[in-house]
């Protein structure tokens, strides 16, 4: 059974503690979250294309376009099937 993530709060907002190893030593880091998601995931789901372009988030904009293309290809493939 997977352990549920625990979110902590400080003066900068919400974060999730994560343990990782660097040079054979264990370190902890704060992974910032927005509504329980990492900031990149939150932007990808909620930001409009104009804002992404104005702020220079072209990589996120490209990801959103690729997802839209995949969805339209799936819809086209579904239309080619025999209805009965």
PDB file of N, CA and C in Angstrom:
ATOM      1  N   UNK A   1       0.850  -1.171   0.000  1.00  0.00           N
ATOM      2  CA  UNK A   1       0.000   0.000   0.000  1.00  0.00           C
ATOM      3  C   UNK A   1       0.902   1.242   0.000  1.00  0.00           C
ATOM      4  N   UNK A   2       0.608   2.185  -0.888  1.00  0.00           N
ATOM      5  CA  UNK A   2       1.418   3.386  -1.002  1.00  0.00           C
ATOM      6  C   UNK A   2       1.048   4.388   0.090  1.00  0.00           C
ATOM      7  N   UNK A   3       2.062   4.998   0.673  1.00  0.00           N
ATOM      8  CA  UNK A   3       1.844   5.988   1.722  1.00  0.00           C
ATOM      9  C   UNK A   3       1.353   7.297   1.113  1.00  0.00           C
ATOM     10  N   UNK A   4       0.348   7.894   1.713  1.00  0.00           N
ATOM     11  CA  UNK A   4      -0.216   9.142   1.222  1.00  0.00           C
ATOM     12  C   UNK A   4       0.750  10.289   1.490  1.00  0.00           C
ATOM     13  N   UNK A   5       0.889  11.199   0.515  1.00  0.00           N
ATOM     14  CA  UNK A   5       1.775  12.350   0.671  1.00  0.00           C
ATOM     15  C   UNK A   5       1.239  13.296   1.729  1.00  0.00           C
ATOM     16  N   UNK A   6       2.133  13.797   2.540  1.00  0.00           N
ATOM     17  CA  UNK A   6       1.768  14.756   3.572  1.00  0.00           C
ATOM     18  C   UNK A   6       2.258  16.123   3.119  1.00  0.00           C
ATOM     19  N   UNK A   7       1.380  17.086   3.092  1.00  0.00           N
ATOM     20  CA  UNK A   7       1.739  18.429   2.683  1.00  0.00           C
ATOM     21  C   UNK A   7       1.977  19.288   3.913  1.00  0.00           C
ATOM     22  N   UNK A   8       3.029  20.076   3.870  1.00  0.00           N
ATOM     23  CA  UNK A   8       3.391  20.964   4.959  1.00  0.00           C
ATOM     24  C   UNK A   8       3.230  22.403   4.488  1.00  0.00           C
ATOM     25  N   UNK A   9       3.182  23.334   5.424  1.00  0.00           N
ATOM     26  CA  UNK A   9       3.029  24.750   5.106  1.00  0.00           C
ATOM     27  C   UNK A   9       4.140  25.548   5.776  1.00  0.00           C
ATOM     28  N   UNK A  10       4.596  26.570   5.082  1.00  0.00           N
ATOM     29  CA  UNK A  10       5.502  27.552   5.679  1.00  0.00           C
ATOM     30  C   UNK A  10       5.101  28.930   5.163  1.00  0.00           C
ATOM     31  N   UNK A  11       5.948  29.922   5.392  1.00  0.00           N
ATOM     32  CA  UNK A  11       5.562  31.281   5.005  1.00  0.00           C
ATOM     33  C   UNK A  11       5.523  31.471   3.487  1.00  0.00           C
ATOM     34  N   UNK A  12       6.105  30.571   2.699  1.00  0.00           N
ATOM     35  CA  UNK A  12       6.072  30.689   1.238  1.00  0.00           C
ATOM     36  C   UNK A  12       4.956  29.867   0.600  1.00  0.00           C
ATOM     37  N   UNK A  13       4.270  29.043   1.365  1.00  0.00           N
ATOM     38  CA  UNK A  13       3.168  28.264   0.814  1.00  0.00           C
ATOM     39  C   UNK A  13       3.259  26.793   1.166  1.00  0.00           C
ATOM     40  N   UNK A  14       2.634  25.984   0.343  1.00  0.00           N
ATOM     41  CA  UNK A  14       2.508  24.559   0.593  1.00  0.00           C
ATOM     42  C   UNK A  14       3.671  23.807  -0.074  1.00  0.00           C
ATOM     43  N   UNK A  15       4.171  22.761   0.585  1.00  0.00           N
ATOM     44  CA  UNK A  15       5.223  21.946   0.000  1.00  0.00           C
ATOM     45  C   UNK A  15       5.119  20.520   0.492  1.00  0.00           C
ATOM     46  N   UNK A  16       5.805  19.634  -0.216  1.00  0.00           N
ATOM     47  CA  UNK A  16       5.877  18.224   0.131  1.00  0.00           C
ATOM     48  C   UNK A  16       7.347  17.910   0.362  1.00  0.00           C
ATOM     49  N   UNK A  17       7.687  17.254   1.468  1.00  0.00           N
ATOM     50  CA  UNK A  17       9.061  16.885   1.753  1.00  0.00           C
ATOM     51  C   UNK A  17       9.472  15.679   0.937  1.00  0.00           C
ATOM     52  N   UNK A  18      10.676  15.719   0.378  1.00  0.00           N
ATOM     53  CA  UNK A  18      11.154  14.615  -0.439  1.00  0.00           C
ATOM     54  C   UNK A  18      12.596  14.303  -0.058  1.00  0.00           C
ATOM     55  N   UNK A  19      12.909  13.034   0.064  1.00  0.00           N
ATOM     56  CA  UNK A  19      14.254  12.602   0.422  1.00  0.00           C
ATOM     57  C   UNK A  19      14.954  12.112  -0.836  1.00  0.00           C
ATOM     58  N   UNK A  20      16.196  12.540  -1.045  1.00  0.00           N
ATOM     59  CA  UNK A  20      16.985  12.077  -2.184  1.00  0.00           C
ATOM     60  C   UNK A  20      18.444  11.954  -1.762  1.00  0.00           C
ATOM     61  N   UNK A  21      19.226  11.273  -2.560  1.00  0.00           N
ATOM     62  CA  UNK A  21      20.633  11.038  -2.247  1.00  0.00           C
ATOM     63  C   UNK A  21      21.527  11.812  -3.207  1.00  0.00           C
ATOM     64  N   UNK A  22      22.517  12.514  -2.642  1.00  0.00           N
ATOM     65  CA  UNK A  22      23.510  13.243  -3.428  1.00  0.00           C
ATOM     66  C   UNK A  22      24.879  12.876  -2.879  1.00  0.00           C
ATOM     67  N   UNK A  23      25.719  12.326  -3.731  1.00  0.00           N
ATOM     68  CA  UNK A  23      27.063  11.951  -3.296  1.00  0.00           C
ATOM     69  C   UNK A  23      27.068  10.938  -2.170  1.00  0.00           C
ATOM     70  N   UNK A  24      26.091  10.053  -2.139  1.00  0.00           N
ATOM     71  CA  UNK A  24      26.028   9.035  -1.100  1.00  0.00           C
ATOM     72  C   UNK A  24      25.455   9.516   0.214  1.00  0.00           C
ATOM     73  N   UNK A  25      25.011  10.763   0.269  1.00  0.00           N
ATOM     74  CA  UNK A  25      24.427  11.292   1.509  1.00  0.00           C
ATOM     75  C   UNK A  25      22.950  11.603   1.281  1.00  0.00           C
ATOM     76  N   UNK A  26      22.175  11.411   2.325  1.00  0.00           N
ATOM     77  CA  UNK A  26      20.744  11.631   2.257  1.00  0.00           C
ATOM     78  C   UNK A  26      20.434  13.097   2.508  1.00  0.00           C
ATOM     79  N   UNK A  27      19.667  13.700   1.612  1.00  0.00           N
ATOM     80  CA  UNK A  27      19.242  15.092   1.754  1.00  0.00           C
ATOM     81  C   UNK A  27      17.727  15.174   1.653  1.00  0.00           C
ATOM     82  N   UNK A  28      17.181  16.209   2.264  1.00  0.00           N
ATOM     83  CA  UNK A  28      15.752  16.474   2.130  1.00  0.00           C
ATOM     84  C   UNK A  28      15.586  17.782   1.374  1.00  0.00           C
ATOM     85  N   UNK A  29      14.564  17.824   0.544  1.00  0.00           N
ATOM     86  CA  UNK A  29      14.263  19.061  -0.166  1.00  0.00           C
ATOM     87  C   UNK A  29      12.762  19.301  -0.142  1.00  0.00           C
ATOM     88  N   UNK A  30      12.398  20.555  -0.311  1.00  0.00           N
ATOM     89  CA  UNK A  30      10.994  20.939  -0.348  1.00  0.00           C
ATOM     90  C   UNK A  30      10.544  21.018  -1.801  1.00  0.00           C
ATOM     91  N   UNK A  31       9.510  20.264  -2.132  1.00  0.00           N
ATOM     92  CA  UNK A  31       8.930  20.314  -3.467  1.00  0.00           C
ATOM     93  C   UNK A  31       7.662  21.134  -3.347  1.00  0.00           C
ATOM     94  N   UNK A  32       7.682  22.333  -3.901  1.00  0.00           N
ATOM     95  CA  UNK A  32       6.529  23.231  -3.814  1.00  0.00           C
ATOM     96  C   UNK A  32       5.346  22.659  -4.580  1.00  0.00           C
ATOM     97  N   UNK A  33       4.137  22.876  -4.058  1.00  0.00           N
ATOM     98  CA  UNK A  33       2.924  22.389  -4.707  1.00  0.00           C
ATOM     99  C   UNK A  33       1.885  23.495  -4.784  1.00  0.00           C
ATOM    100  N   UNK A  34       1.032  23.398  -5.788  1.00  0.00           N
ATOM    101  CA  UNK A  34      -0.107  24.299  -5.958  1.00  0.00           C
ATOM    102  C   UNK A  34      -1.333  23.402  -6.101  1.00  0.00           C
ATOM    103  N   UNK A  35      -2.245  23.477  -5.179  1.00  0.00           N
ATOM    104  CA  UNK A  35      -3.440  22.625  -5.155  1.00  0.00           C
ATOM    105  C   UNK A  35      -3.079  21.140  -5.223  1.00  0.00           C
ATOM    106  N   UNK A  36      -1.995  20.746  -4.567  1.00  0.00           N
ATOM    107  CA  UNK A  36      -1.589  19.351  -4.526  1.00  0.00           C
ATOM    108  C   UNK A  36      -0.812  18.884  -5.739  1.00  0.00           C
ATOM    109  N   UNK A  37      -0.544  19.769  -6.693  1.00  0.00           N
ATOM    110  CA  UNK A  37       0.224  19.418  -7.896  1.00  0.00           C
ATOM    111  C   UNK A  37       1.507  20.235  -7.921  1.00  0.00           C
ATOM    112  N   UNK A  38       2.498  19.731  -8.646  1.00  0.00           N
ATOM    113  CA  UNK A  38       3.703  20.518  -8.828  1.00  0.00           C
ATOM    114  C   UNK A  38       3.371  21.708  -9.730  1.00  0.00           C
ATOM    115  N   UNK A  39       4.099  22.813  -9.606  1.00  0.00           N
ATOM    116  CA  UNK A  39       3.767  24.023 -10.377  1.00  0.00           C
ATOM    117  C   UNK A  39       3.723  23.809 -11.885  1.00  0.00           C
ATOM    118  N   UNK A  40       4.621  22.988 -12.438  1.00  0.00           N
ATOM    119  CA  UNK A  40       4.605  22.745 -13.881  1.00  0.00           C
ATOM    120  C   UNK A  40       3.326  22.040 -14.320  1.00  0.00           C
ATOM    121  N   UNK A  41       2.898  21.058 -13.548  1.00  0.00           N
ATOM    122  CA  UNK A  41       1.668  20.337 -13.860  1.00  0.00           C
ATOM    123  C   UNK A  41       0.453  21.260 -13.740  1.00  0.00           C
ATOM    124  N   UNK A  42       0.442  22.120 -12.720  1.00  0.00           N
ATOM    125  CA  UNK A  42      -0.651  23.069 -12.534  1.00  0.00           C
ATOM    126  C   UNK A  42      -0.741  24.020 -13.729  1.00  0.00           C
ATOM    127  N   UNK A  43       0.417  24.533 -14.177  1.00  0.00           N
ATOM    128  CA  UNK A  43       0.432  25.419 -15.345  1.00  0.00           C
ATOM    129  C   UNK A  43      -0.058  24.705 -16.592  1.00  0.00           C
ATOM    130  N   UNK A  44       0.397  23.479 -16.782  1.00  0.00           N
ATOM    131  CA  UNK A  44       0.020  22.744 -17.987  1.00  0.00           C
ATOM    132  C   UNK A  44      -1.486  22.512 -18.050  1.00  0.00           C
ATOM    133  N   UNK A  45      -2.102  22.286 -16.902  1.00  0.00           N
ATOM    134  CA  UNK A  45      -3.542  22.025 -16.890  1.00  0.00           C
ATOM    135  C   UNK A  45      -4.398  23.293 -16.946  1.00  0.00           C
ATOM    136  N   UNK A  46      -3.944  24.391 -16.328  1.00  0.00           N
ATOM    137  CA  UNK A  46      -4.838  25.520 -16.105  1.00  0.00           C
ATOM    138  C   UNK A  46      -4.524  26.797 -16.872  1.00  0.00           C
ATOM    139  N   UNK A  47      -3.316  26.984 -17.377  1.00  0.00           N
ATOM    140  CA  UNK A  47      -2.959  28.254 -18.005  1.00  0.00           C
ATOM    141  C   UNK A  47      -3.460  28.301 -19.444  1.00  0.00           C
ATOM    142  N   UNK A  48      -3.845  29.502 -19.874  1.00  0.00           N
ATOM    143  CA  UNK A  48      -4.280  29.674 -21.260  1.00  0.00           C
ATOM    144  C   UNK A  48      -3.051  29.856 -22.155  1.00  0.00           C
ATOM    145  N   UNK A  49      -3.250  29.620 -23.445  1.00  0.00           N
ATOM    146  CA  UNK A  49      -2.141  29.656 -24.396  1.00  0.00           C
ATOM    147  C   UNK A  49      -1.521  31.046 -24.510  1.00  0.00           C
ATOM    148  N   UNK A  50      -2.332  32.093 -24.432  1.00  0.00           N
ATOM    149  CA  UNK A  50      -1.814  33.456 -24.547  1.00  0.00           C
ATOM    150  C   UNK A  50      -0.871  33.768 -23.389  1.00  0.00           C
ATOM    151  N   UNK A  51      -1.273  33.434 -22.171  1.00  0.00           N
ATOM    152  CA  UNK A  51      -0.427  33.700 -21.007  1.00  0.00           C
ATOM    153  C   UNK A  51       0.878  32.918 -21.093  1.00  0.00           C
ATOM    154  N   UNK A  52       0.794  31.642 -21.508  1.00  0.00           N
ATOM    155  CA  UNK A  52       2.005  30.833 -21.632  1.00  0.00           C
ATOM    156  C   UNK A  52       2.976  31.457 -22.635  1.00  0.00           C
ATOM    157  N   UNK A  53       2.455  31.960 -23.745  1.00  0.00           N
ATOM    158  CA  UNK A  53       3.308  32.585 -24.761  1.00  0.00           C
ATOM    159  C   UNK A  53       3.923  33.881 -24.230  1.00  0.00           C
ATOM    160  N   UNK A  54       3.128  34.701 -23.544  1.00  0.00           N
ATOM    161  CA  UNK A  54       3.630  35.972 -23.026  1.00  0.00           C
ATOM    162  C   UNK A  54       4.709  35.763 -21.969  1.00  0.00           C
ATOM    163  N   UNK A  55       4.576  34.721 -21.159  1.00  0.00           N
ATOM    164  CA  UNK A  55       5.536  34.463 -20.085  1.00  0.00           C
ATOM    165  C   UNK A  55       6.727  33.620 -20.543  1.00  0.00           C
ATOM    166  N   UNK A  56       6.716  33.173 -21.803  1.00  0.00           N
ATOM    167  CA  UNK A  56       7.850  32.426 -22.336  1.00  0.00           C
ATOM    168  C   UNK A  56       7.874  30.960 -21.972  1.00  0.00           C
ATOM    169  N   UNK A  57       6.745  30.387 -21.637  1.00  0.00           N
ATOM    170  CA  UNK A  57       6.659  28.960 -21.301  1.00  0.00           C
ATOM    171  C   UNK A  57       6.341  28.166 -22.569  1.00  0.00           C
ATOM    172  N   UNK A  58       7.227  28.238 -23.546  1.00  0.00           N
ATOM    173  CA  UNK A  58       6.977  27.603 -24.833  1.00  0.00           C
ATOM    174  C   UNK A  58       7.023  26.088 -24.738  1.00  0.00           C
ATOM    175  N   UNK A  59       7.803  25.541 -23.805  1.00  0.00           N
ATOM    176  CA  UNK A  59       7.856  24.093 -23.642  1.00  0.00           C
ATOM    177  C   UNK A  59       6.510  23.545 -23.163  1.00  0.00           C
ATOM    178  N   UNK A  60       5.868  24.254 -22.246  1.00  0.00           N
ATOM    179  CA  UNK A  60       4.557  23.826 -21.746  1.00  0.00           C
ATOM    180  C   UNK A  60       3.520  23.975 -22.849  1.00  0.00           C
ATOM    181  N   UNK A  61       3.625  25.039 -23.622  1.00  0.00           N
ATOM    182  CA  UNK A  61       2.711  25.277 -24.734  1.00  0.00           C
ATOM    183  C   UNK A  61       2.831  24.149 -25.765  1.00  0.00           C
ATOM    184  N   UNK A  62       4.053  23.720 -26.019  1.00  0.00           N
ATOM    185  CA  UNK A  62       4.284  22.623 -26.964  1.00  0.00           C
ATOM    186  C   UNK A  62       3.670  21.321 -26.444  1.00  0.00           C
ATOM    187  N   UNK A  63       3.797  21.047 -25.147  1.00  0.00           N
ATOM    188  CA  UNK A  63       3.209  19.844 -24.560  1.00  0.00           C
ATOM    189  C   UNK A  63       1.690  19.851 -24.711  1.00  0.00           C
ATOM    190  N   UNK A  64       1.072  21.007 -24.478  1.00  0.00           N
ATOM    191  CA  UNK A  64      -0.382  21.105 -24.606  1.00  0.00           C
ATOM    192  C   UNK A  64      -0.822  20.863 -26.047  1.00  0.00           C
ATOM    193  N   UNK A  65      -0.067  21.387 -27.025  1.00  0.00           N
ATOM    194  CA  UNK A  65      -0.397  21.173 -28.427  1.00  0.00           C
ATOM    195  C   UNK A  65      -0.276  19.698 -28.798  1.00  0.00           C
ATOM    196  N   UNK A  66       0.757  19.026 -28.301  1.00  0.00           N
ATOM    197  CA  UNK A  66       0.933  17.606 -28.597  1.00  0.00           C
ATOM    198  C   UNK A  66      -0.217  16.782 -28.014  1.00  0.00           C
ATOM    199  N   UNK A  67      -0.694  17.125 -26.821  1.00  0.00           N
ATOM    200  CA  UNK A  67      -1.833  16.415 -26.225  1.00  0.00           C
ATOM    201  C   UNK A  67      -3.093  16.613 -27.056  1.00  0.00           C
ATOM    202  N   UNK A  68      -3.314  17.844 -27.532  1.00  0.00           N
ATOM    203  CA  UNK A  68      -4.486  18.115 -28.377  1.00  0.00           C
ATOM    204  C   UNK A  68      -4.409  17.311 -29.671  1.00  0.00           C
ATOM    205  N   UNK A  69      -3.218  17.233 -30.263  1.00  0.00           N
ATOM    206  CA  UNK A  69      -3.053  16.473 -31.506  1.00  0.00           C
ATOM    207  C   UNK A  69      -3.347  14.994 -31.287  1.00  0.00           C
ATOM    208  N   UNK A  70      -2.887  14.442 -30.164  1.00  0.00           N
ATOM    209  CA  UNK A  70      -3.157  13.041 -29.861  1.00  0.00           C
ATOM    210  C   UNK A  70      -4.645  12.790 -29.697  1.00  0.00           C
ATOM    211  N   UNK A  71      -5.346  13.723 -29.046  1.00  0.00           N
ATOM    212  CA  UNK A  71      -6.785  13.558 -28.839  1.00  0.00           C
ATOM    213  C   UNK A  71      -7.533  13.596 -30.165  1.00  0.00           C
ATOM    214  N   UNK A  72      -7.159  14.509 -31.065  1.00  0.00           N
ATOM    215  CA  UNK A  72      -7.848  14.586 -32.357  1.00  0.00           C
ATOM    216  C   UNK A  72      -7.549  13.353 -33.202  1.00  0.00           C
ATOM    217  N   UNK A  73      -6.334  12.820 -33.132  1.00  0.00           N
ATOM    218  CA  UNK A  73      -6.002  11.602 -33.874  1.00  0.00           C
ATOM    219  C   UNK A  73      -6.834  10.439 -33.353  1.00  0.00           C
ATOM    220  N   UNK A  74      -7.010  10.350 -32.040  1.00  0.00           N
ATOM    221  CA  UNK A  74      -7.836   9.288 -31.460  1.00  0.00           C
ATOM    222  C   UNK A  74      -9.280   9.410 -31.905  1.00  0.00           C
ATOM    223  N   UNK A  75      -9.799  10.648 -31.991  1.00  0.00           N
ATOM    224  CA  UNK A  75     -11.177  10.858 -32.441  1.00  0.00           C
ATOM    225  C   UNK A  75     -11.335  10.465 -33.901  1.00  0.00           C
ATOM    226  N   UNK A  76     -10.355  10.779 -34.726  1.00  0.00           N
ATOM    227  CA  UNK A  76     -10.420  10.419 -36.142  1.00  0.00           C
ATOM    228  C   UNK A  76     -10.386   8.905 -36.293  1.00  0.00           C
ATOM    229  N   UNK A  77      -9.557   8.233 -35.522  1.00  0.00           N
ATOM    230  CA  UNK A  77      -9.482   6.770 -35.585  1.00  0.00           C
ATOM    231  C   UNK A  77     -10.796   6.137 -35.159  1.00  0.00           C
ATOM    232  N   UNK A  78     -11.501   6.708 -34.204  1.00  0.00           N
ATOM    233  CA  UNK A  78     -12.782   6.171 -33.751  1.00  0.00           C
ATOM    234  C   UNK A  78     -13.859   6.315 -34.818  1.00  0.00           C
ATOM    235  N   UNK A  79     -13.780   7.373 -35.636  1.00  0.00           N
ATOM    236  CA  UNK A  79     -14.785   7.598 -36.670  1.00  0.00           C
ATOM    237  C   UNK A  79     -14.673   6.597 -37.812  1.00  0.00           C
ATOM    238  N   UNK A  80     -13.496   6.035 -38.041  1.00  0.00           N
ATOM    239  CA  UNK A  80     -13.291   5.104 -39.145  1.00  0.00           C
ATOM    240  C   UNK A  80     -13.855   3.716 -38.876  1.00  0.00           C
ATOM    241  N   UNK A  81     -14.200   3.435 -37.641  1.00  0.00           N
ATOM    242  CA  UNK A  81     -14.689   2.110 -37.296  1.00  0.00           C
ATOM    243  C   UNK A  81     -16.094   1.877 -37.849  1.00  0.00           C
ATOM    244  N   UNK A  82     -16.410   0.633 -38.102  1.00  0.00           N
ATOM    245  CA  UNK A  82     -17.739   0.266 -38.572  1.00  0.00           C
ATOM    246  C   UNK A  82     -18.711   0.401 -37.402  1.00  0.00           C
ATOM    247  N   UNK A  83     -19.862   1.065 -37.592  1.00  0.00           N
ATOM    248  CA  UNK A  83     -20.754   1.350 -36.468  1.00  0.00           C
ATOM    249  C   UNK A  83     -21.513   0.145 -35.930  1.00  0.00           C
ATOM    250  N   UNK A  84     -21.487  -1.004 -36.606  1.00  0.00           N
ATOM    251  CA  UNK A  84     -22.228  -2.157 -36.103  1.00  0.00           C
ATOM    252  C   UNK A  84     -21.378  -3.364 -35.969  1.00  0.00           C
TER     253      UNK A  84
END
